[in-house]
Structure formats: C-alpha cells, structure tokens
PDB file of all heavy atoms in Angstrom:
ATOM      1  N   TRP A   1      15.024  16.575   4.585  1.00  0.00           N
ATOM      2  CA  TRP A   1      15.620  17.036   3.327  1.00  0.00           C
ATOM      3  C   TRP A   1      15.456  18.555   3.240  1.00  0.00           C
ATOM      4  O   TRP A   1      14.682  19.155   3.995  1.00  0.00           O
ATOM      5  CB  TRP A   1      14.929  16.359   2.157  1.00  0.00           C
ATOM      6  CG  TRP A   1      15.131  14.881   2.042  1.00  0.00           C
ATOM      7  CD1 TRP A   1      14.964  13.922   3.005  1.00  0.00           C
ATOM      8  CD2 TRP A   1      15.560  14.165   0.883  1.00  0.00           C
ATOM      9  NE1 TRP A   1      15.251  12.693   2.539  1.00  0.00           N
ATOM     10  CE2 TRP A   1      15.610  12.811   1.210  1.00  0.00           C
ATOM     11  CE3 TRP A   1      15.890  14.547  -0.436  1.00  0.00           C
ATOM     12  CZ2 TRP A   1      15.997  11.812   0.300  1.00  0.00           C
ATOM     13  CZ3 TRP A   1      16.264  13.565  -1.350  1.00  0.00           C
ATOM     14  CH2 TRP A   1      16.323  12.202  -0.966  1.00  0.00           C
ATOM     15  N   THR A   2      16.197  19.168   2.312  1.00  0.00           N
ATOM     16  CA  THR A   2      16.048  20.600   2.094  1.00  0.00           C
ATOM     17  C   THR A   2      15.497  20.800   0.666  1.00  0.00           C
ATOM     18  O   THR A   2      15.647  19.954  -0.199  1.00  0.00           O
ATOM     19  CB  THR A   2      17.387  21.339   2.227  1.00  0.00           C
ATOM     20  OG1 THR A   2      18.333  20.738   1.355  1.00  0.00           O
ATOM     21  CG2 THR A   2      17.897  21.269   3.653  1.00  0.00           C
ATOM     22  N   ILE A   3      14.875  21.972   0.478  1.00  0.00           N
ATOM     23  CA  ILE A   3      14.435  22.330  -0.871  1.00  0.00           C
ATOM     24  C   ILE A   3      15.660  22.811  -1.620  1.00  0.00           C
ATOM     25  O   ILE A   3      16.435  23.635  -1.140  1.00  0.00           O
ATOM     26  CB  ILE A   3      13.340  23.401  -0.798  1.00  0.00           C
ATOM     27  CG1 ILE A   3      12.072  22.785  -0.184  1.00  0.00           C
ATOM     28  CG2 ILE A   3      13.038  23.963  -2.183  1.00  0.00           C
ATOM     29  CD1 ILE A   3      10.937  23.739   0.085  1.00  0.00           C
ATOM     30  N   ASP A   4      15.888  22.230  -2.816  1.00  0.00           N
ATOM     31  CA  ASP A   4      17.070  22.520  -3.614  1.00  0.00           C
ATOM     32  C   ASP A   4      16.766  23.786  -4.422  1.00  0.00           C
ATOM     33  O   ASP A   4      15.997  23.752  -5.385  1.00  0.00           O
ATOM     34  CB  ASP A   4      17.332  21.330  -4.531  1.00  0.00           C
ATOM     35  CG  ASP A   4      18.700  21.391  -5.177  1.00  0.00           C
ATOM     36  OD1 ASP A   4      19.402  22.378  -5.015  1.00  0.00           O
ATOM     37  OD2 ASP A   4      19.072  20.424  -5.863  1.00  0.00           O
ATOM     38  N   LYS A   5      17.386  24.895  -4.021  1.00  0.00           N
ATOM     39  CA  LYS A   5      17.055  26.175  -4.657  1.00  0.00           C
ATOM     40  C   LYS A   5      17.678  26.308  -6.049  1.00  0.00           C
ATOM     41  O   LYS A   5      17.193  27.050  -6.896  1.00  0.00           O
ATOM     42  CB  LYS A   5      17.589  27.325  -3.787  1.00  0.00           C
ATOM     43  CG  LYS A   5      16.961  27.422  -2.390  1.00  0.00           C
ATOM     44  CD  LYS A   5      15.534  27.957  -2.482  1.00  0.00           C
ATOM     45  CE  LYS A   5      15.009  28.406  -1.109  1.00  0.00           C
ATOM     46  NZ  LYS A   5      14.366  27.368  -0.334  1.00  0.00           N
ATOM     47  N   SER A   6      18.792  25.604  -6.321  1.00  0.00           N
ATOM     48  CA  SER A   6      19.420  25.763  -7.635  1.00  0.00           C
ATOM     49  C   SER A   6      19.804  24.390  -8.179  1.00  0.00           C
ATOM     50  O   SER A   6      20.968  24.042  -8.238  1.00  0.00           O
ATOM     51  CB  SER A   6      20.668  26.648  -7.506  1.00  0.00           C
ATOM     52  OG  SER A   6      21.481  26.161  -6.470  1.00  0.00           O
ATOM     53  N   PRO A   7      18.778  23.603  -8.532  1.00  0.00           N
ATOM     54  CA  PRO A   7      19.110  22.254  -9.074  1.00  0.00           C
ATOM     55  C   PRO A   7      19.784  22.349 -10.414  1.00  0.00           C
ATOM     56  O   PRO A   7      19.496  23.278 -11.198  1.00  0.00           O
ATOM     57  CB  PRO A   7      17.721  21.602  -9.193  1.00  0.00           C
ATOM     58  CG  PRO A   7      16.778  22.741  -9.363  1.00  0.00           C
ATOM     59  CD  PRO A   7      17.340  23.868  -8.575  1.00  0.00           C
ATOM     60  N   PRO A   8      20.677  21.403 -10.707  1.00  0.00           N
ATOM     61  CA  PRO A   8      21.254  21.364 -12.055  1.00  0.00           C
ATOM     62  C   PRO A   8      20.164  21.000 -13.053  1.00  0.00           C
ATOM     63  O   PRO A   8      19.129  20.454 -12.669  1.00  0.00           O
ATOM     64  CB  PRO A   8      22.295  20.242 -11.979  1.00  0.00           C
ATOM     65  CG  PRO A   8      21.926  19.435 -10.787  1.00  0.00           C
ATOM     66  CD  PRO A   8      21.150  20.303  -9.853  1.00  0.00           C
ATOM     67  N   PRO A   9      20.343  21.336 -14.320  1.00  0.00           N
ATOM     68  CA  PRO A   9      19.305  21.038 -15.350  1.00  0.00           C
ATOM     69  C   PRO A   9      18.978  19.550 -15.400  1.00  0.00           C
ATOM     70  O   PRO A   9      19.835  18.708 -15.277  1.00  0.00           O
ATOM     71  CB  PRO A   9      19.905  21.540 -16.659  1.00  0.00           C
ATOM     72  CG  PRO A   9      21.332  21.819 -16.371  1.00  0.00           C
ATOM     73  CD  PRO A   9      21.530  21.996 -14.914  1.00  0.00           C
ATOM     74  N   PHE A  10      17.685  19.269 -15.564  1.00  0.00           N
ATOM     75  CA  PHE A  10      17.200  17.880 -15.538  1.00  0.00           C
ATOM     76  C   PHE A  10      16.769  17.454 -16.919  1.00  0.00           C
ATOM     77  O   PHE A  10      15.662  17.012 -17.131  1.00  0.00           O
ATOM     78  CB  PHE A  10      15.988  17.805 -14.615  1.00  0.00           C
ATOM     79  CG  PHE A  10      16.290  17.258 -13.243  1.00  0.00           C
ATOM     80  CD1 PHE A  10      16.995  18.018 -12.316  1.00  0.00           C
ATOM     81  CD2 PHE A  10      15.827  16.012 -12.860  1.00  0.00           C
ATOM     82  CE1 PHE A  10      17.258  17.523 -11.061  1.00  0.00           C
ATOM     83  CE2 PHE A  10      16.118  15.512 -11.594  1.00  0.00           C
ATOM     84  CZ  PHE A  10      16.821  16.269 -10.698  1.00  0.00           C
ATOM     85  N   GLY A  11      17.570  17.614 -17.959  1.00  0.00           N
ATOM     86  CA  GLY A  11      17.129  17.178 -19.284  1.00  0.00           C
ATOM     87  C   GLY A  11      16.480  18.332 -20.039  1.00  0.00           C
ATOM     88  O   GLY A  11      16.473  19.468 -19.588  1.00  0.00           O
ATOM     89  N   SER A  12      15.880  18.032 -21.184  1.00  0.00           N
ATOM     90  CA  SER A  12      15.561  19.054 -22.184  1.00  0.00           C
ATOM     91  C   SER A  12      14.658  20.147 -21.649  1.00  0.00           C
ATOM     92  O   SER A  12      14.914  21.285 -21.783  1.00  0.00           O
ATOM     93  CB  SER A  12      14.953  18.403 -23.421  1.00  0.00           C
ATOM     94  OG  SER A  12      13.928  17.512 -23.018  1.00  0.00           O
ATOM     95  N   ASP A  13      13.514  19.860 -21.103  1.00  0.00           N
ATOM     96  CA  ASP A  13      12.712  20.920 -20.482  1.00  0.00           C
ATOM     97  C   ASP A  13      11.724  20.192 -19.597  1.00  0.00           C
ATOM     98  O   ASP A  13      10.515  20.223 -19.793  1.00  0.00           O
ATOM     99  CB  ASP A  13      12.005  21.804 -21.504  1.00  0.00           C
ATOM    100  CG  ASP A  13      11.487  23.079 -20.847  1.00  0.00           C
ATOM    101  OD1 ASP A  13      11.675  23.237 -19.628  1.00  0.00           O
ATOM    102  OD2 ASP A  13      10.897  23.916 -21.572  1.00  0.00           O
ATOM    103  N   ASP A  14      12.308  19.530 -18.614  1.00  0.00           N
ATOM    104  CA  ASP A  14      11.538  18.572 -17.838  1.00  0.00           C
ATOM    105  C   ASP A  14      10.438  19.198 -17.014  1.00  0.00           C
ATOM    106  O   ASP A  14       9.507  18.557 -16.609  1.00  0.00           O
ATOM    107  CB  ASP A  14      12.494  17.798 -16.934  1.00  0.00           C
ATOM    108  CG  ASP A  14      11.809  16.639 -16.242  1.00  0.00           C
ATOM    109  OD1 ASP A  14      11.040  15.944 -16.905  1.00  0.00           O
ATOM    110  OD2 ASP A  14      12.012  16.460 -15.028  1.00  0.00           O
ATOM    111  N   SER A  15      10.526  20.529 -16.742  1.00  0.00           N
ATOM    112  CA  SER A  15       9.555  21.118 -15.824  1.00  0.00           C
ATOM    113  C   SER A  15       8.441  21.885 -16.573  1.00  0.00           C
ATOM    114  O   SER A  15       7.548  22.398 -15.928  1.00  0.00           O
ATOM    115  CB  SER A  15      10.279  22.058 -14.862  1.00  0.00           C
ATOM    116  OG  SER A  15      10.936  23.062 -15.575  1.00  0.00           O
ATOM    117  N   TYR A  16       8.494  21.889 -17.905  1.00  0.00           N
ATOM    118  CA  TYR A  16       7.494  22.668 -18.641  1.00  0.00           C
ATOM    119  C   TYR A  16       6.089  22.056 -18.433  1.00  0.00           C
ATOM    120  O   TYR A  16       5.891  20.848 -18.601  1.00  0.00           O
ATOM    121  CB  TYR A  16       7.809  22.709 -20.146  1.00  0.00           C
ATOM    122  CG  TYR A  16       6.817  23.499 -20.936  1.00  0.00           C
ATOM    123  CD1 TYR A  16       6.771  24.884 -20.831  1.00  0.00           C
ATOM    124  CD2 TYR A  16       5.867  22.871 -21.713  1.00  0.00           C
ATOM    125  CE1 TYR A  16       5.830  25.635 -21.535  1.00  0.00           C
ATOM    126  CE2 TYR A  16       4.918  23.584 -22.416  1.00  0.00           C
ATOM    127  CZ  TYR A  16       4.916  24.968 -22.307  1.00  0.00           C
ATOM    128  OH  TYR A  16       3.987  25.689 -22.984  1.00  0.00           O
ATOM    129  N   GLY A  17       5.105  22.887 -18.100  1.00  0.00           N
ATOM    130  CA  GLY A  17       3.748  22.406 -17.955  1.00  0.00           C
ATOM    131  C   GLY A  17       3.567  21.485 -16.758  1.00  0.00           C
ATOM    132  O   GLY A  17       2.625  20.674 -16.722  1.00  0.00           O
ATOM    133  N   LYS A  18       4.421  21.571 -15.757  1.00  0.00           N
ATOM    134  CA  LYS A  18       4.321  20.706 -14.565  1.00  0.00           C
ATOM    135  C   LYS A  18       4.505  21.553 -13.313  1.00  0.00           C
ATOM    136  O   LYS A  18       5.150  22.599 -13.345  1.00  0.00           O
ATOM    137  CB  LYS A  18       5.409  19.634 -14.603  1.00  0.00           C
ATOM    138  CG  LYS A  18       5.308  18.663 -15.764  1.00  0.00           C
ATOM    139  CD  LYS A  18       6.472  17.701 -15.733  1.00  0.00           C
ATOM    140  CE  LYS A  18       6.381  16.710 -16.904  1.00  0.00           C
ATOM    141  NZ  LYS A  18       7.597  15.917 -17.021  1.00  0.00           N
ATOM    142  N   SER A  19       3.971  21.064 -12.219  1.00  0.00           N
ATOM    143  CA  SER A  19       4.362  21.576 -10.902  1.00  0.00           C
ATOM    144  C   SER A  19       5.509  20.709 -10.421  1.00  0.00           C
ATOM    145  O   SER A  19       5.419  19.500 -10.394  1.00  0.00           O
ATOM    146  CB  SER A  19       3.214  21.440  -9.898  1.00  0.00           C
ATOM    147  OG  SER A  19       2.079  22.145 -10.324  1.00  0.00           O
ATOM    148  N   VAL A  20       6.615  21.369 -10.007  1.00  0.00           N
ATOM    149  CA  VAL A  20       7.868  20.636  -9.727  1.00  0.00           C
ATOM    150  C   VAL A  20       8.431  21.097  -8.409  1.00  0.00           C
ATOM    151  O   VAL A  20       8.444  22.292  -8.144  1.00  0.00           O
ATOM    152  CB  VAL A  20       8.885  20.883 -10.859  1.00  0.00           C
ATOM    153  CG1 VAL A  20      10.255  20.343 -10.494  1.00  0.00           C
ATOM    154  CG2 VAL A  20       8.407  20.290 -12.170  1.00  0.00           C
ATOM    155  N   ILE A  21       8.943  20.176  -7.623  1.00  0.00           N
ATOM    156  CA  ILE A  21       9.770  20.528  -6.456  1.00  0.00           C
ATOM    157  C   ILE A  21      11.047  19.695  -6.532  1.00  0.00           C
ATOM    158  O   ILE A  21      11.015  18.513  -6.887  1.00  0.00           O
ATOM    159  CB  ILE A  21       9.020  20.294  -5.117  1.00  0.00           C
ATOM    160  CG1 ILE A  21       9.833  20.855  -3.952  1.00  0.00           C
ATOM    161  CG2 ILE A  21       8.689  18.827  -4.901  1.00  0.00           C
ATOM    162  CD1 ILE A  21       9.903  22.349  -3.909  1.00  0.00           C
ATOM    163  N   ASP A  22      12.179  20.352  -6.221  1.00  0.00           N
ATOM    164  CA  ASP A  22      13.466  19.681  -6.160  1.00  0.00           C
ATOM    165  C   ASP A  22      13.928  19.648  -4.728  1.00  0.00           C
ATOM    166  O   ASP A  22      14.001  20.696  -4.055  1.00  0.00           O
ATOM    167  CB  ASP A  22      14.488  20.422  -7.018  1.00  0.00           C
ATOM    168  CG  ASP A  22      14.187  20.282  -8.497  1.00  0.00           C
ATOM    169  OD1 ASP A  22      14.276  19.141  -8.986  1.00  0.00           O
ATOM    170  OD2 ASP A  22      13.848  21.297  -9.155  1.00  0.00           O
ATOM    171  N   LEU A  23      14.256  18.450  -4.236  1.00  0.00           N
ATOM    172  CA  LEU A  23      14.729  18.283  -2.856  1.00  0.00           C
ATOM    173  C   LEU A  23      16.150  17.732  -2.871  1.00  0.00           C
ATOM    174  O   LEU A  23      16.572  17.072  -3.825  1.00  0.00           O
ATOM    175  CB  LEU A  23      13.833  17.332  -2.100  1.00  0.00           C
ATOM    176  CG  LEU A  23      12.344  17.772  -1.963  1.00  0.00           C
ATOM    177  CD1 LEU A  23      11.569  16.719  -1.196  1.00  0.00           C
ATOM    178  CD2 LEU A  23      12.212  19.121  -1.322  1.00  0.00           C
ATOM    179  N   LEU A  24      16.885  17.994  -1.773  1.00  0.00           N
ATOM    180  CA  LEU A  24      18.279  17.624  -1.695  1.00  0.00           C
ATOM    181  C   LEU A  24      18.568  17.002  -0.348  1.00  0.00           C
ATOM    182  O   LEU A  24      18.103  17.488   0.678  1.00  0.00           O
ATOM    183  CB  LEU A  24      19.133  18.890  -1.879  1.00  0.00           C
ATOM    184  CG  LEU A  24      20.650  18.774  -1.724  1.00  0.00           C
ATOM    185  CD1 LEU A  24      21.260  17.859  -2.780  1.00  0.00           C
ATOM    186  CD2 LEU A  24      21.290  20.168  -1.760  1.00  0.00           C
ATOM    187  N   LEU A  25      19.357  15.911  -0.362  1.00  0.00           N
ATOM    188  CA  LEU A  25      19.861  15.297   0.854  1.00  0.00           C
ATOM    189  C   LEU A  25      21.372  15.151   0.740  1.00  0.00           C
ATOM    190  O   LEU A  25      21.861  14.550  -0.207  1.00  0.00           O
ATOM    191  CB  LEU A  25      19.213  13.928   1.080  1.00  0.00           C
ATOM    192  CG  LEU A  25      19.665  13.179   2.339  1.00  0.00           C
ATOM    193  CD1 LEU A  25      19.152  13.881   3.587  1.00  0.00           C
ATOM    194  CD2 LEU A  25      19.148  11.744   2.316  1.00  0.00           C
ATOM    195  N   VAL A  26      22.094  15.727   1.689  1.00  0.00           N
ATOM    196  CA  VAL A  26      23.541  15.457   1.791  1.00  0.00           C
ATOM    197  C   VAL A  26      23.768  14.949   3.222  1.00  0.00           C
ATOM    198  O   VAL A  26      23.100  15.399   4.139  1.00  0.00           O
ATOM    199  CB  VAL A  26      24.418  16.689   1.498  1.00  0.00           C
ATOM    200  CG1 VAL A  26      24.361  17.062   0.041  1.00  0.00           C
ATOM    201  CG2 VAL A  26      24.003  17.881   2.363  1.00  0.00           C
ATOM    202  N   PRO A  27      24.663  13.970   3.396  1.00  0.00           N
ATOM    203  CA  PRO A  27      24.799  13.402   4.727  1.00  0.00           C
ATOM    204  C   PRO A  27      25.480  14.320   5.717  1.00  0.00           C
ATOM    205  O   PRO A  27      26.362  15.095   5.345  1.00  0.00           O
ATOM    206  CB  PRO A  27      25.684  12.152   4.457  1.00  0.00           C
ATOM    207  CG  PRO A  27      26.414  12.437   3.207  1.00  0.00           C
ATOM    208  CD  PRO A  27      25.549  13.369   2.415  1.00  0.00           C
TER     209      PRO A  27
END
C-alpha cells in the first residue's frame, strides 16, 4: 500500500487528539 498524502475528509474531526495514518490501495 502507499501512504495517502491527501486523504478526503473523514467526518467531523476524526483525527483530533489521535495519531493517524491514511493508506491507499489502487489496483
């Protein structure tokens, strides 16, 4: 997989106060 550098927004403020990584898979 690749690290998703510009993920679309994930809801109201899903990453506040968290450690977060976004990954991406395209075939």
